[in-house]
Protein backbone atom coordinates (compact mmCIF):
# COMPACT_ATOMS: atom_id res chain seq x y z
CA MET A 1 -66.32 -122.88 -270.34
CA LYS A 2 -65.14 -119.48 -271.54
CA LEU A 3 -65.80 -118.20 -275.06
CA LEU A 4 -64.98 -115.06 -277.03
CA LEU A 5 -67.32 -113.78 -279.71
CA VAL A 6 -65.69 -111.44 -282.26
CA GLU A 7 -68.59 -109.92 -284.16
CA ASP A 8 -69.49 -106.36 -285.18
CA GLU A 9 -73.19 -106.94 -285.99
CA VAL A 10 -74.81 -105.87 -282.73
CA GLU A 11 -78.14 -107.69 -283.01
CA LEU A 12 -76.51 -110.92 -284.13
CA ALA A 13 -73.94 -110.65 -281.36
CA LYS A 14 -76.62 -110.13 -278.72
CA SER A 15 -78.60 -113.16 -279.89
CA ILE A 16 -75.48 -115.35 -279.84
CA LEU A 17 -74.40 -114.07 -276.42
CA ASP A 18 -77.83 -114.63 -274.88
CA TYR A 19 -78.10 -118.13 -276.34
CA LEU A 20 -74.63 -119.24 -275.22
CA ASN A 21 -74.95 -117.71 -271.76
CA ASP A 22 -78.28 -119.53 -271.37
CA ASN A 23 -76.39 -122.73 -272.19
CA ASP A 24 -73.99 -122.19 -269.29
CA PHE A 25 -71.04 -120.68 -271.15
CA VAL A 26 -69.20 -117.56 -270.04
CA CYS A 27 -69.19 -115.59 -273.28
CA GLU A 28 -67.30 -112.32 -273.80
CA TRP A 29 -67.74 -110.00 -276.75
CA ALA A 30 -65.35 -107.97 -278.91
CA ASN A 31 -67.06 -105.85 -281.56
CA ASN A 32 -63.94 -104.87 -283.51
CA PHE A 33 -60.44 -105.98 -284.40
CA SER A 34 -58.58 -103.90 -281.81
CA SER A 35 -60.67 -105.04 -278.83
CA ALA A 36 -60.38 -108.64 -280.01
CA MET A 37 -56.59 -108.27 -280.21
CA TYR A 38 -56.55 -106.94 -276.66
CA LYS A 39 -58.61 -109.85 -275.35
CA ILE A 40 -56.73 -112.67 -277.08
CA SER A 41 -53.43 -111.17 -275.95
CA GLY A 42 -54.47 -111.11 -272.31
CA TYR A 43 -56.81 -114.08 -271.90
CA ASN A 44 -57.23 -117.71 -272.88
CA TYR A 45 -60.49 -119.09 -274.23
CA ASP A 46 -61.91 -122.55 -274.77
CA CYS A 47 -63.27 -121.37 -278.11
CA ILE A 48 -63.24 -118.15 -280.16
CA LEU A 49 -66.08 -117.37 -282.57
CA LEU A 50 -64.48 -115.21 -285.21
CA ASP A 51 -66.06 -113.01 -287.85
CA LEU A 52 -63.64 -112.13 -290.67
CA MET A 53 -65.03 -108.81 -291.85
CA LEU A 54 -64.45 -106.38 -288.99
CA PRO A 55 -64.67 -102.58 -289.25
CA ASP A 56 -61.02 -102.02 -288.37
CA GLY A 57 -59.28 -105.18 -289.56
CA ASN A 58 -59.39 -108.69 -290.99
CA GLY A 59 -60.21 -111.60 -288.72
CA LEU A 60 -57.63 -113.72 -290.51
CA ASN A 61 -54.95 -111.52 -288.95
CA LEU A 62 -56.25 -112.52 -285.53
CA LEU A 63 -55.71 -116.14 -286.50
CA THR A 64 -52.14 -115.28 -287.46
CA GLU A 65 -51.64 -113.61 -284.08
CA LEU A 66 -52.90 -116.69 -282.25
CA LYS A 67 -50.60 -118.91 -284.29
CA ASN A 68 -47.56 -116.68 -283.78
CA ASN A 69 -48.13 -116.70 -280.02
CA HIS A 70 -48.57 -120.50 -279.94
CA LYS A 71 -52.04 -120.20 -278.38
CA THR A 72 -54.29 -123.24 -278.45
CA ASP A 73 -57.72 -121.60 -278.21
CA GLY A 74 -60.27 -123.35 -280.41
CA VAL A 75 -61.52 -121.16 -283.28
CA ILE A 76 -64.72 -121.27 -285.32
CA ILE A 77 -64.90 -118.78 -288.19
CA ILE A 78 -68.43 -117.37 -288.54
CA SER A 79 -68.66 -115.31 -291.68
CA ALA A 80 -70.93 -114.35 -294.56
CA LYS A 81 -67.81 -114.30 -296.72
CA GLU A 82 -67.42 -117.84 -297.97
CA THR A 83 -65.22 -118.78 -300.85
CA LEU A 84 -63.16 -121.92 -301.13
CA GLU A 85 -60.00 -119.81 -300.92
CA THR A 86 -61.12 -118.03 -297.73
CA ARG A 87 -62.16 -121.28 -296.08
CA ILE A 88 -58.84 -122.96 -296.94
CA GLU A 89 -56.85 -119.93 -295.78
CA GLY A 90 -58.69 -119.82 -292.46
CA LEU A 91 -58.22 -123.53 -291.79
CA ASN A 92 -54.55 -123.36 -292.79
CA LEU A 93 -54.04 -120.50 -290.33
CA GLY A 94 -55.36 -122.67 -287.50
CA ALA A 95 -59.15 -122.35 -287.43
CA ASP A 96 -60.89 -125.54 -286.32
CA ASP A 97 -64.19 -125.01 -288.14
CA TYR A 98 -65.98 -122.65 -290.52
CA LEU A 99 -69.66 -121.76 -290.26
CA THR A 100 -71.36 -119.63 -292.91
CA LYS A 101 -73.92 -116.97 -291.99
CA PRO A 102 -76.81 -117.27 -291.54
CA PHE A 103 -76.76 -120.32 -289.27
CA HIS A 104 -78.88 -121.89 -286.56
CA LEU A 105 -77.66 -121.20 -283.04
CA SER A 106 -78.21 -124.84 -282.13
CA GLU A 107 -75.71 -125.86 -284.84
CA LEU A 108 -73.18 -123.35 -283.51
CA LEU A 109 -73.59 -124.82 -280.02
CA VAL A 110 -72.97 -128.36 -281.28
CA ARG A 111 -69.82 -127.27 -283.10
CA ILE A 112 -68.50 -125.41 -280.04
CA LYS A 113 -69.00 -128.47 -277.86
CA ALA A 114 -67.31 -130.69 -280.46
CA ILE A 115 -64.22 -128.47 -280.54
CA ILE A 116 -63.98 -128.32 -276.76
CA ARG A 117 -64.28 -132.12 -276.55
CA ARG A 118 -61.61 -132.55 -279.21
CA LYS A 119 -59.24 -129.96 -277.76
CA GLN A 120 -59.46 -130.96 -274.11
CA PHE A 121 -60.94 -134.42 -273.84
CA SER A 122 -59.89 -136.37 -276.95
CA GLY A 123 -63.33 -136.04 -278.52
CA ASN A 124 -65.17 -137.88 -275.74
CA ASN A 125 -68.68 -137.04 -274.53
CA ILE A 126 -68.04 -138.94 -271.28
CA ILE A 127 -65.05 -137.74 -269.26
CA THR A 128 -63.78 -140.28 -266.76
CA PHE A 129 -61.24 -139.57 -264.05
CA LYS A 130 -60.91 -142.54 -261.72
CA GLU A 131 -64.20 -142.67 -259.74
CA ILE A 132 -65.53 -139.44 -261.29
CA GLU A 133 -67.59 -139.46 -264.48
CA ILE A 134 -68.81 -136.35 -266.33
CA ASP A 135 -71.36 -136.46 -269.13
CA ILE A 136 -70.71 -133.32 -271.21
CA LEU A 137 -73.98 -133.58 -273.13
CA SER A 138 -76.30 -133.97 -270.13
CA LYS A 139 -73.96 -132.08 -267.75
CA GLU A 140 -74.33 -134.79 -265.16
CA VAL A 141 -71.59 -135.72 -262.72
CA LYS A 142 -71.35 -139.13 -261.09
CA VAL A 143 -69.02 -140.34 -258.36
CA ASN A 144 -68.81 -144.09 -257.87
CA ASN A 145 -71.77 -144.40 -260.29
CA GLN A 146 -73.95 -142.15 -258.12
CA LYS A 147 -75.17 -138.81 -259.49
CA ILE A 148 -74.25 -135.76 -257.44
CA GLU A 149 -75.87 -132.31 -257.57
CA ILE A 150 -73.49 -129.48 -258.35
CA THR A 151 -73.99 -125.91 -259.49
CA LYS A 152 -73.09 -124.57 -262.95
CA LYS A 153 -69.99 -122.87 -261.55
CA GLU A 154 -68.89 -126.05 -259.79
CA TYR A 155 -69.45 -128.06 -262.98
CA ASN A 156 -67.31 -125.64 -265.02
CA LEU A 157 -64.68 -125.62 -262.28
CA LEU A 158 -64.51 -129.42 -262.24
CA LEU A 159 -64.06 -129.57 -266.02
CA PHE A 160 -61.43 -126.82 -265.86
CA PHE A 161 -59.45 -128.73 -263.24
CA ILE A 162 -59.63 -132.10 -265.00
CA GLY A 163 -58.83 -130.53 -268.37
CA ASN A 164 -55.69 -129.03 -266.80
CA LYS A 165 -54.71 -131.81 -264.42
CA ASN A 166 -51.23 -131.59 -262.88
CA ARG A 167 -51.01 -127.91 -263.83
CA VAL A 168 -51.02 -125.16 -261.22
CA LEU A 169 -53.95 -122.82 -261.87
CA SER A 170 -53.78 -119.37 -260.30
CA LYS A 171 -56.79 -117.84 -258.57
CA GLU A 172 -56.78 -115.22 -261.32
CA ALA A 173 -56.96 -117.87 -264.07
CA ILE A 174 -59.80 -119.67 -262.31
CA ALA A 175 -61.69 -116.41 -261.74
CA GLU A 176 -61.35 -115.48 -265.43
CA HIS A 177 -62.55 -118.92 -266.48
CA LEU A 178 -65.63 -118.72 -264.27
CA SER A 179 -66.48 -115.04 -264.75
CA GLY A 180 -64.73 -113.84 -267.92
CA ASP A 181 -63.34 -110.32 -268.01
CA MET A 182 -65.63 -109.39 -265.09
CA ALA A 183 -62.84 -110.86 -262.94
CA ASP A 184 -60.70 -107.80 -263.69
CA MET A 185 -63.13 -105.61 -261.73
CA MET A 186 -63.12 -107.74 -258.58
CA ASP A 187 -61.32 -106.60 -255.45
CA ASN A 188 -60.55 -110.17 -254.42
CA TYR A 189 -61.10 -113.75 -255.50
CA ASP A 190 -62.82 -115.06 -252.40
CA PHE A 191 -65.56 -116.54 -254.58
CA VAL A 192 -62.96 -118.86 -256.13
CA TYR A 193 -62.12 -120.28 -252.72
CA ALA A 194 -65.84 -120.66 -251.94
CA HIS A 195 -66.56 -122.61 -255.14
CA ILE A 196 -63.52 -124.84 -254.63
CA LYS A 197 -64.49 -125.50 -251.01
CA ASN A 198 -68.05 -126.45 -252.01
CA LEU A 199 -66.88 -128.68 -254.86
CA LYS A 200 -64.40 -130.49 -252.60
CA LYS A 201 -67.10 -131.03 -249.99
CA LYS A 202 -69.57 -132.51 -252.49
CA LEU A 203 -66.94 -134.83 -253.97
CA LYS A 204 -65.85 -135.94 -250.50
CA ASN A 205 -69.44 -136.62 -249.43
CA ALA A 206 -69.75 -138.89 -252.48
CA GLN A 207 -66.68 -140.85 -251.32
CA SER A 208 -64.32 -139.36 -253.89
CA GLN A 209 -60.67 -138.84 -253.14
CA ASN A 210 -59.41 -135.29 -252.76
CA TYR A 211 -57.59 -134.37 -255.96
CA ILE A 212 -57.57 -130.59 -255.47
CA GLU A 213 -54.29 -129.47 -253.96
CA THR A 214 -53.58 -125.96 -252.68
CA VAL A 215 -50.21 -124.76 -253.93
CA TYR A 216 -49.17 -122.11 -251.44
CA GLY A 217 -48.71 -118.67 -252.96
CA LEU A 218 -49.55 -119.90 -256.47
CA GLY A 219 -53.06 -121.33 -256.67
CA TYR A 220 -54.54 -124.82 -257.02
CA LYS A 221 -53.72 -128.06 -258.81
CA TRP A 222 -55.76 -131.14 -259.70
CA HIS A 223 -53.24 -133.90 -259.09
CA ASP A 224 -53.33 -137.22 -260.92
CA GLU A 225 -51.97 -139.63 -258.36
């Protein structure tokens, strides 16, 4: 799962990034308004953690930008500035949640997971696709009621495919989802093919059908047939 943290307090940002990366998220960081604008214009995120008081702009304007561009990224406002008016304005502009500083990182994690479940999987903790079952809380994957061992990248790839079933996903989009903006510095996306190949093999060995289709010249699709 790919997140964007928009926060100008360096120490706070580092603690959030370390915590979320340790919990298997790919978390990017924008420390001001302009860099955040650049990132949300060029990338999609499962959830954006948005501070309102930035050195070169107001986080609420980023919400307006997301809304104007019909983007569906989840948004949690994290701000020390809490008034009823600010909270209402943020939620009206499309934020999904509002968390007041200071907060416990464990609470932030729970809220992120809740938004991702609501946005992509109808609020469910257990994602079921035919013979495949994914427990989002324990991060376990079962095929035909038997647990299979997959890596963190394969787990995120599987969720990404099922959350976007019947949509063609380019290699670039998959690379960004798995590696964040580091994907821009890669010469090729061979690692995407490697992860897909390994995931397909593990699912096949567990007697799952092959749902991952290669769409020539475009990318890959998880087909629901």
